[in-house]
């Protein structure tokens, strides 16, 4: 094939994904631990703080998704990668629903009470993040790495 790789990687997409993941990690950290930046004004985790770290998690998911899809190039994705894509979305939905459970009226402090990010919600968000991580691992194009080893 004239020394050209079997698939083309879009470096622009990879750069975008790295920037999105880095910015998302910063936003997530600001939402989860604002006291690291000297911005903590409340002893409890409130609605704005939960919303900010969920927006950061969304940026991480979008950046990771774009970057891993770019690694596939023009090669057809495997079924495992497609399942991984859906797991990333499902994990994010789990994280949002459990993080905002009080706002949705399903938590221990339904509105008009002040939303409270308790241990059950933290566990739910952590479970969503674990599902997202598993989805990302499933999206990695391992077969291209093994093809390079065979050559």
N, C-alpha and C. Protein backbone atom coordinates (compact mmCIF):
# COMPACT_ATOMS: atom_id res chain seq x y z
N UNK A 1 0.82 -1.19 0.00
CA UNK A 1 0.00 0.00 0.00
C UNK A 1 0.87 1.25 0.00
N UNK A 2 1.94 1.25 -0.70
CA UNK A 2 2.82 2.39 -0.86
C UNK A 2 3.38 2.92 0.46
N UNK A 3 3.54 2.06 1.43
CA UNK A 3 4.10 2.47 2.71
C UNK A 3 3.16 3.33 3.54
N UNK A 4 1.91 3.47 3.10
CA UNK A 4 0.94 4.28 3.82
C UNK A 4 0.21 3.40 4.83
N UNK A 5 -0.07 3.90 6.03
CA UNK A 5 -0.75 3.06 7.01
C UNK A 5 -2.14 2.68 6.54
N UNK A 6 -2.62 1.55 7.06
CA UNK A 6 -3.93 1.04 6.66
C UNK A 6 -5.05 1.96 7.13
N UNK A 7 -4.80 2.75 8.15
CA UNK A 7 -5.82 3.68 8.63
C UNK A 7 -5.17 5.03 8.91
N UNK A 8 -5.94 6.06 8.83
CA UNK A 8 -5.46 7.43 9.00
C UNK A 8 -5.97 7.96 10.33
N UNK A 9 -5.07 8.45 11.17
CA UNK A 9 -5.45 9.02 12.44
C UNK A 9 -5.59 10.53 12.27
N UNK A 10 -6.67 11.07 12.76
CA UNK A 10 -6.90 12.51 12.70
C UNK A 10 -6.25 13.16 13.93
N UNK A 11 -5.09 13.76 13.70
CA UNK A 11 -4.36 14.37 14.82
C UNK A 11 -5.08 15.60 15.37
N UNK A 12 -5.86 16.27 14.54
CA UNK A 12 -6.63 17.41 15.01
C UNK A 12 -7.68 16.96 16.04
N UNK A 13 -8.32 15.85 15.75
CA UNK A 13 -9.31 15.31 16.70
C UNK A 13 -8.63 14.87 18.00
N UNK A 14 -7.45 14.29 17.87
CA UNK A 14 -6.74 13.85 19.08
C UNK A 14 -6.34 15.06 19.92
N UNK A 15 -5.87 16.12 19.27
CA UNK A 15 -5.53 17.34 20.01
C UNK A 15 -6.75 17.92 20.71
N UNK A 16 -7.87 17.98 19.96
CA UNK A 16 -9.12 18.47 20.56
C UNK A 16 -9.50 17.63 21.77
N UNK A 17 -9.38 16.31 21.64
CA UNK A 17 -9.78 15.44 22.74
C UNK A 17 -8.89 15.63 23.97
N UNK A 18 -7.59 15.80 23.75
CA UNK A 18 -6.69 16.02 24.88
C UNK A 18 -6.99 17.34 25.58
N UNK A 19 -7.27 18.38 24.80
CA UNK A 19 -7.62 19.67 25.39
C UNK A 19 -8.94 19.57 26.14
N UNK A 20 -9.92 18.88 25.55
CA UNK A 20 -11.23 18.73 26.21
C UNK A 20 -11.11 17.93 27.50
N UNK A 21 -10.31 16.87 27.48
CA UNK A 21 -10.14 16.06 28.69
C UNK A 21 -9.41 16.86 29.77
N UNK A 22 -8.37 17.60 29.38
CA UNK A 22 -7.64 18.40 30.37
C UNK A 22 -8.52 19.49 30.97
N UNK A 23 -9.27 20.20 30.12
CA UNK A 23 -10.17 21.24 30.62
C UNK A 23 -11.28 20.62 31.46
N UNK A 24 -11.81 19.47 31.02
CA UNK A 24 -12.84 18.78 31.79
C UNK A 24 -12.34 18.32 33.14
N UNK A 25 -11.09 17.86 33.19
CA UNK A 25 -10.52 17.46 34.48
C UNK A 25 -10.38 18.66 35.40
N UNK A 26 -10.01 19.82 34.84
CA UNK A 26 -9.92 21.04 35.64
C UNK A 26 -11.30 21.43 36.18
N UNK A 27 -12.31 21.44 35.31
CA UNK A 27 -13.67 21.81 35.72
C UNK A 27 -14.19 20.80 36.74
N UNK A 28 -13.94 19.52 36.52
CA UNK A 28 -14.36 18.48 37.47
C UNK A 28 -13.71 18.72 38.83
N UNK A 29 -12.43 19.04 38.84
CA UNK A 29 -11.72 19.29 40.10
C UNK A 29 -12.26 20.53 40.80
N UNK A 30 -12.56 21.56 40.03
CA UNK A 30 -13.14 22.77 40.61
C UNK A 30 -14.48 22.44 41.27
N UNK A 31 -15.28 21.61 40.63
CA UNK A 31 -16.58 21.24 41.20
C UNK A 31 -16.46 20.31 42.38
N UNK A 32 -15.55 19.35 42.29
CA UNK A 32 -15.44 18.35 43.36
C UNK A 32 -14.66 18.88 44.56
N UNK A 33 -13.59 19.60 44.34
CA UNK A 33 -12.73 20.10 45.42
C UNK A 33 -12.38 21.58 45.21
N UNK A 34 -13.34 22.49 45.34
CA UNK A 34 -13.02 23.91 45.13
C UNK A 34 -12.06 24.46 46.19
N UNK A 35 -11.99 23.80 47.35
CA UNK A 35 -11.06 24.28 48.38
C UNK A 35 -9.60 24.13 47.97
N UNK A 36 -9.29 23.28 47.00
CA UNK A 36 -7.92 23.16 46.49
C UNK A 36 -7.47 24.46 45.82
N UNK A 37 -8.45 25.25 45.35
CA UNK A 37 -8.15 26.51 44.69
C UNK A 37 -8.47 27.70 45.59
N UNK A 38 -8.89 27.43 46.82
CA UNK A 38 -9.25 28.49 47.75
C UNK A 38 -10.61 29.10 47.45
N UNK A 39 -11.51 28.35 46.77
CA UNK A 39 -12.80 28.88 46.36
C UNK A 39 -13.96 28.32 47.17
N UNK A 40 -13.70 27.50 48.17
CA UNK A 40 -14.77 26.86 48.94
C UNK A 40 -15.42 27.88 49.87
N UNK A 41 -16.74 28.02 49.74
CA UNK A 41 -17.47 28.97 50.58
C UNK A 41 -18.52 28.28 51.42
N UNK A 42 -18.66 26.98 51.29
CA UNK A 42 -19.72 26.28 51.99
C UNK A 42 -19.21 24.95 52.52
N UNK A 43 -19.67 24.53 53.70
CA UNK A 43 -19.23 23.25 54.23
C UNK A 43 -19.91 22.05 53.56
N UNK A 44 -21.02 22.28 52.83
CA UNK A 44 -21.72 21.19 52.17
C UNK A 44 -21.54 21.30 50.66
N UNK A 45 -21.77 20.20 49.96
CA UNK A 45 -21.72 20.19 48.50
C UNK A 45 -23.12 20.52 48.00
N UNK A 46 -23.27 21.65 47.33
CA UNK A 46 -24.58 22.10 46.87
C UNK A 46 -24.81 21.83 45.40
N UNK A 47 -25.95 22.36 44.92
CA UNK A 47 -26.38 22.13 43.54
C UNK A 47 -25.35 22.62 42.53
N UNK A 48 -24.84 23.85 42.71
CA UNK A 48 -23.90 24.42 41.74
C UNK A 48 -22.63 23.57 41.68
N UNK A 49 -22.15 23.16 42.83
CA UNK A 49 -20.93 22.35 42.88
C UNK A 49 -21.14 21.02 42.17
N UNK A 50 -22.28 20.38 42.40
CA UNK A 50 -22.59 19.11 41.74
C UNK A 50 -22.69 19.34 40.23
N UNK A 51 -23.39 20.40 39.83
CA UNK A 51 -23.54 20.69 38.39
C UNK A 51 -22.19 20.94 37.73
N UNK A 52 -21.30 21.64 38.42
CA UNK A 52 -19.99 21.94 37.84
C UNK A 52 -19.17 20.66 37.65
N UNK A 53 -19.14 19.78 38.66
CA UNK A 53 -18.33 18.57 38.44
C UNK A 53 -18.98 17.63 37.44
N UNK A 54 -20.30 17.67 37.28
CA UNK A 54 -20.93 16.85 36.25
C UNK A 54 -20.65 17.41 34.85
N UNK A 55 -20.55 18.73 34.73
CA UNK A 55 -20.16 19.33 33.45
C UNK A 55 -18.72 18.96 33.12
N UNK A 56 -17.85 18.98 34.12
CA UNK A 56 -16.47 18.54 33.92
C UNK A 56 -16.40 17.09 33.48
N UNK A 57 -17.23 16.24 34.10
CA UNK A 57 -17.26 14.82 33.72
C UNK A 57 -17.77 14.68 32.28
N UNK A 58 -18.73 15.52 31.88
CA UNK A 58 -19.22 15.48 30.50
C UNK A 58 -18.12 15.84 29.52
N UNK A 59 -17.32 16.86 29.84
CA UNK A 59 -16.21 17.24 28.97
C UNK A 59 -15.18 16.12 28.86
N UNK A 60 -14.92 15.45 29.97
CA UNK A 60 -13.99 14.32 29.95
C UNK A 60 -14.53 13.21 29.05
N UNK A 61 -15.82 12.92 29.18
CA UNK A 61 -16.44 11.87 28.36
C UNK A 61 -16.41 12.23 26.87
N UNK A 62 -16.75 13.47 26.55
CA UNK A 62 -16.75 13.89 25.14
C UNK A 62 -15.33 13.85 24.57
N UNK A 63 -14.37 14.37 25.32
CA UNK A 63 -12.98 14.36 24.85
C UNK A 63 -12.45 12.95 24.69
N UNK A 64 -12.71 12.09 25.64
CA UNK A 64 -12.26 10.70 25.54
C UNK A 64 -12.90 9.98 24.38
N UNK A 65 -14.19 10.22 24.18
CA UNK A 65 -14.92 9.60 23.08
C UNK A 65 -14.32 10.02 21.73
N UNK A 66 -14.14 11.33 21.55
CA UNK A 66 -13.60 11.84 20.28
C UNK A 66 -12.19 11.30 20.04
N UNK A 67 -11.37 11.29 21.08
CA UNK A 67 -10.00 10.80 20.92
C UNK A 67 -9.92 9.33 20.60
N UNK A 68 -10.72 8.53 21.27
CA UNK A 68 -10.66 7.08 21.01
C UNK A 68 -11.26 6.73 19.66
N UNK A 69 -12.28 7.45 19.25
CA UNK A 69 -12.83 7.20 17.91
C UNK A 69 -11.81 7.61 16.84
N UNK A 70 -11.06 8.69 17.11
CA UNK A 70 -10.04 9.12 16.15
C UNK A 70 -8.93 8.08 16.02
N UNK A 71 -8.64 7.37 17.09
CA UNK A 71 -7.61 6.33 17.02
C UNK A 71 -8.00 5.18 16.09
N UNK A 72 -9.29 4.98 15.91
CA UNK A 72 -9.74 3.92 15.00
C UNK A 72 -9.51 4.31 13.55
N UNK A 73 -9.43 5.61 13.27
CA UNK A 73 -9.23 6.06 11.89
C UNK A 73 -10.40 5.65 11.02
N UNK A 74 -10.09 5.16 9.83
CA UNK A 74 -11.14 4.72 8.91
C UNK A 74 -11.47 3.24 9.08
N UNK A 75 -10.78 2.60 9.96
CA UNK A 75 -11.03 1.19 10.22
C UNK A 75 -12.38 1.02 10.90
N UNK A 76 -13.07 -0.05 10.56
CA UNK A 76 -14.38 -0.30 11.16
C UNK A 76 -14.21 -0.68 12.62
N UNK A 77 -15.03 -0.06 13.48
CA UNK A 77 -14.95 -0.35 14.91
C UNK A 77 -15.52 -1.73 15.21
N UNK A 78 -14.98 -2.34 16.24
CA UNK A 78 -15.46 -3.66 16.63
C UNK A 78 -16.74 -3.53 17.44
N UNK A 79 -17.40 -4.65 17.63
CA UNK A 79 -18.62 -4.67 18.45
C UNK A 79 -18.28 -4.28 19.88
N UNK A 80 -17.12 -4.72 20.36
CA UNK A 80 -16.69 -4.38 21.71
C UNK A 80 -16.54 -2.86 21.86
N UNK A 81 -16.01 -2.19 20.84
CA UNK A 81 -15.87 -0.74 20.88
C UNK A 81 -17.24 -0.06 20.86
N UNK A 82 -18.17 -0.60 20.08
CA UNK A 82 -19.52 -0.03 20.06
C UNK A 82 -20.21 -0.18 21.41
N UNK A 83 -20.02 -1.32 22.04
CA UNK A 83 -20.58 -1.51 23.38
C UNK A 83 -19.92 -0.55 24.36
N UNK A 84 -18.62 -0.35 24.20
CA UNK A 84 -17.90 0.59 25.05
C UNK A 84 -18.44 2.01 24.90
N UNK A 85 -18.76 2.42 23.67
CA UNK A 85 -19.34 3.75 23.45
C UNK A 85 -20.65 3.90 24.21
N UNK A 86 -21.45 2.87 24.17
CA UNK A 86 -22.74 2.94 24.88
C UNK A 86 -22.55 2.91 26.39
N UNK A 87 -21.52 2.20 26.84
CA UNK A 87 -21.25 2.18 28.28
C UNK A 87 -20.79 3.55 28.78
N UNK A 88 -20.04 4.28 27.98
CA UNK A 88 -19.63 5.63 28.37
C UNK A 88 -20.87 6.50 28.57
N UNK A 89 -21.79 6.45 27.63
CA UNK A 89 -23.02 7.23 27.76
C UNK A 89 -23.87 6.78 28.94
N UNK A 90 -23.97 5.48 29.13
CA UNK A 90 -24.75 4.94 30.25
C UNK A 90 -24.13 5.34 31.58
N UNK A 91 -22.82 5.25 31.68
CA UNK A 91 -22.15 5.64 32.91
C UNK A 91 -22.36 7.10 33.23
N UNK A 92 -22.37 7.95 32.20
CA UNK A 92 -22.60 9.37 32.43
C UNK A 92 -24.03 9.61 32.91
N UNK A 93 -24.99 8.92 32.32
CA UNK A 93 -26.38 9.06 32.75
C UNK A 93 -26.53 8.61 34.21
N UNK A 94 -25.88 7.52 34.58
CA UNK A 94 -25.91 7.05 35.97
C UNK A 94 -25.31 8.10 36.89
N UNK A 95 -24.17 8.68 36.50
CA UNK A 95 -23.53 9.70 37.32
C UNK A 95 -24.40 10.94 37.47
N UNK A 96 -25.03 11.38 36.39
CA UNK A 96 -25.89 12.57 36.45
C UNK A 96 -27.12 12.28 37.30
N UNK A 97 -27.75 11.15 37.08
CA UNK A 97 -28.98 10.86 37.82
C UNK A 97 -28.71 10.71 39.31
N UNK A 98 -27.63 10.03 39.67
CA UNK A 98 -27.36 9.87 41.10
C UNK A 98 -26.82 11.16 41.71
N UNK A 99 -26.05 11.92 40.96
CA UNK A 99 -25.54 13.19 41.48
C UNK A 99 -26.64 14.21 41.70
N UNK A 100 -27.61 14.21 40.83
CA UNK A 100 -28.71 15.17 40.91
C UNK A 100 -29.99 14.55 41.48
N UNK A 101 -29.87 13.48 42.23
CA UNK A 101 -31.05 12.78 42.73
C UNK A 101 -31.95 13.69 43.56
N UNK A 102 -31.37 14.54 44.40
CA UNK A 102 -32.18 15.45 45.21
C UNK A 102 -32.91 16.46 44.34
N UNK A 103 -32.25 16.94 43.30
CA UNK A 103 -32.88 17.91 42.40
C UNK A 103 -34.03 17.26 41.64
N UNK A 104 -33.87 15.99 41.26
CA UNK A 104 -34.92 15.27 40.54
C UNK A 104 -36.04 14.78 41.46
N UNK A 105 -35.88 14.97 42.76
CA UNK A 105 -36.90 14.55 43.71
C UNK A 105 -36.79 13.10 44.14
N UNK A 106 -35.68 12.45 43.87
CA UNK A 106 -35.51 11.04 44.21
C UNK A 106 -34.54 10.82 45.37
N UNK A 107 -33.92 11.88 45.85
CA UNK A 107 -32.90 11.74 46.89
C UNK A 107 -33.47 11.86 48.29
N UNK A 108 -32.58 11.96 49.25
CA UNK A 108 -33.00 12.06 50.65
C UNK A 108 -33.43 13.48 51.03
N UNK A 109 -33.09 14.48 50.21
CA UNK A 109 -33.44 15.87 50.47
C UNK A 109 -34.17 16.45 49.26
N UNK A 110 -35.39 16.00 48.94
CA UNK A 110 -36.06 16.53 47.75
C UNK A 110 -36.35 18.03 47.89
N UNK A 111 -36.50 18.69 46.74
CA UNK A 111 -36.79 20.12 46.75
C UNK A 111 -38.08 20.37 47.50
N UNK A 112 -38.23 21.44 48.20
CA UNK A 112 -37.48 22.69 48.25
C UNK A 112 -36.33 22.67 49.26
N UNK A 113 -36.04 21.54 49.87
CA UNK A 113 -34.88 21.47 50.77
C UNK A 113 -33.60 21.68 49.97
N UNK A 114 -32.54 22.05 50.69
CA UNK A 114 -31.24 22.25 50.05
C UNK A 114 -30.69 20.89 49.62
N UNK A 115 -30.31 20.74 48.34
CA UNK A 115 -29.75 19.45 47.90
C UNK A 115 -28.51 19.08 48.70
N UNK A 116 -28.39 17.80 49.00
CA UNK A 116 -27.28 17.30 49.80
C UNK A 116 -26.61 16.17 49.05
N UNK A 117 -25.31 16.28 48.85
CA UNK A 117 -24.55 15.25 48.16
C UNK A 117 -23.99 14.31 49.22
N UNK A 118 -24.74 13.26 49.50
CA UNK A 118 -24.37 12.34 50.57
C UNK A 118 -23.61 11.13 50.08
N UNK A 119 -23.39 10.18 50.99
CA UNK A 119 -22.59 8.99 50.63
C UNK A 119 -23.26 8.11 49.57
N UNK A 120 -24.58 8.04 49.56
CA UNK A 120 -25.25 7.23 48.53
C UNK A 120 -25.07 7.85 47.16
N UNK A 121 -25.18 9.16 47.10
CA UNK A 121 -24.99 9.84 45.82
C UNK A 121 -23.53 9.75 45.37
N UNK A 122 -22.61 9.89 46.29
CA UNK A 122 -21.19 9.76 45.95
C UNK A 122 -20.90 8.37 45.41
N UNK A 123 -21.48 7.36 46.02
CA UNK A 123 -21.31 5.98 45.54
C UNK A 123 -21.89 5.79 44.16
N UNK A 124 -23.04 6.40 43.89
CA UNK A 124 -23.66 6.30 42.57
C UNK A 124 -22.84 6.98 41.49
N UNK A 125 -22.30 8.16 41.82
CA UNK A 125 -21.44 8.86 40.85
C UNK A 125 -20.17 8.05 40.60
N UNK A 126 -19.62 7.47 41.66
CA UNK A 126 -18.43 6.63 41.50
C UNK A 126 -18.73 5.41 40.64
N UNK A 127 -19.90 4.80 40.84
CA UNK A 127 -20.29 3.65 40.01
C UNK A 127 -20.41 4.07 38.54
N UNK A 128 -20.99 5.25 38.29
CA UNK A 128 -21.08 5.76 36.92
C UNK A 128 -19.71 5.98 36.32
N UNK A 129 -18.77 6.50 37.12
CA UNK A 129 -17.42 6.73 36.62
C UNK A 129 -16.71 5.41 36.32
N UNK A 130 -16.96 4.40 37.11
CA UNK A 130 -16.37 3.07 36.84
C UNK A 130 -16.91 2.52 35.53
N UNK A 131 -18.21 2.68 35.29
CA UNK A 131 -18.80 2.22 34.02
C UNK A 131 -18.20 3.00 32.85
N UNK A 132 -18.00 4.30 33.02
CA UNK A 132 -17.37 5.11 31.97
C UNK A 132 -15.95 4.60 31.69
N UNK A 133 -15.19 4.33 32.74
CA UNK A 133 -13.81 3.84 32.55
C UNK A 133 -13.79 2.50 31.83
N UNK A 134 -14.70 1.61 32.18
CA UNK A 134 -14.78 0.31 31.49
C UNK A 134 -15.13 0.52 30.02
N UNK A 135 -16.05 1.45 29.74
CA UNK A 135 -16.42 1.75 28.36
C UNK A 135 -15.24 2.28 27.57
N UNK A 136 -14.44 3.17 28.18
CA UNK A 136 -13.26 3.68 27.49
C UNK A 136 -12.25 2.57 27.21
N UNK A 137 -12.07 1.68 28.16
CA UNK A 137 -11.13 0.57 27.93
C UNK A 137 -11.60 -0.34 26.80
N UNK A 138 -12.91 -0.48 26.65
CA UNK A 138 -13.45 -1.30 25.58
C UNK A 138 -13.30 -0.62 24.21
N UNK A 139 -13.17 0.70 24.20
CA UNK A 139 -13.08 1.45 22.94
C UNK A 139 -11.67 1.52 22.38
N UNK A 140 -10.67 1.14 23.14
CA UNK A 140 -9.28 1.22 22.67
C UNK A 140 -9.08 0.24 21.51
N UNK A 141 -8.48 0.68 20.39
CA UNK A 141 -8.25 -0.22 19.24
C UNK A 141 -7.04 -1.13 19.47
N UNK A 142 -7.22 -2.16 20.26
CA UNK A 142 -6.11 -3.06 20.59
C UNK A 142 -5.61 -3.83 19.38
N UNK A 143 -6.48 -4.15 18.43
CA UNK A 143 -6.08 -4.97 17.29
C UNK A 143 -5.03 -4.28 16.43
N UNK A 144 -5.04 -2.94 16.36
CA UNK A 144 -4.01 -2.27 15.57
C UNK A 144 -2.65 -2.40 16.25
N UNK A 145 -2.64 -2.45 17.56
CA UNK A 145 -1.38 -2.66 18.28
C UNK A 145 -0.85 -4.07 18.02
N UNK A 146 -1.73 -5.05 18.04
CA UNK A 146 -1.29 -6.43 17.79
C UNK A 146 -0.85 -6.63 16.34
N UNK A 147 -1.46 -5.89 15.40
CA UNK A 147 -1.03 -5.97 14.00
C UNK A 147 0.40 -5.46 13.86
N UNK A 148 0.73 -4.39 14.59
CA UNK A 148 2.09 -3.84 14.53
C UNK A 148 3.10 -4.82 15.14
N UNK A 149 2.71 -5.57 16.14
CA UNK A 149 3.60 -6.54 16.74
C UNK A 149 3.90 -7.70 15.80
N UNK A 150 2.90 -8.06 14.96
CA UNK A 150 3.08 -9.17 14.05
C UNK A 150 4.02 -8.81 12.89
N UNK A 151 4.08 -7.54 12.56
CA UNK A 151 4.88 -7.12 11.40
C UNK A 151 6.35 -7.13 11.68
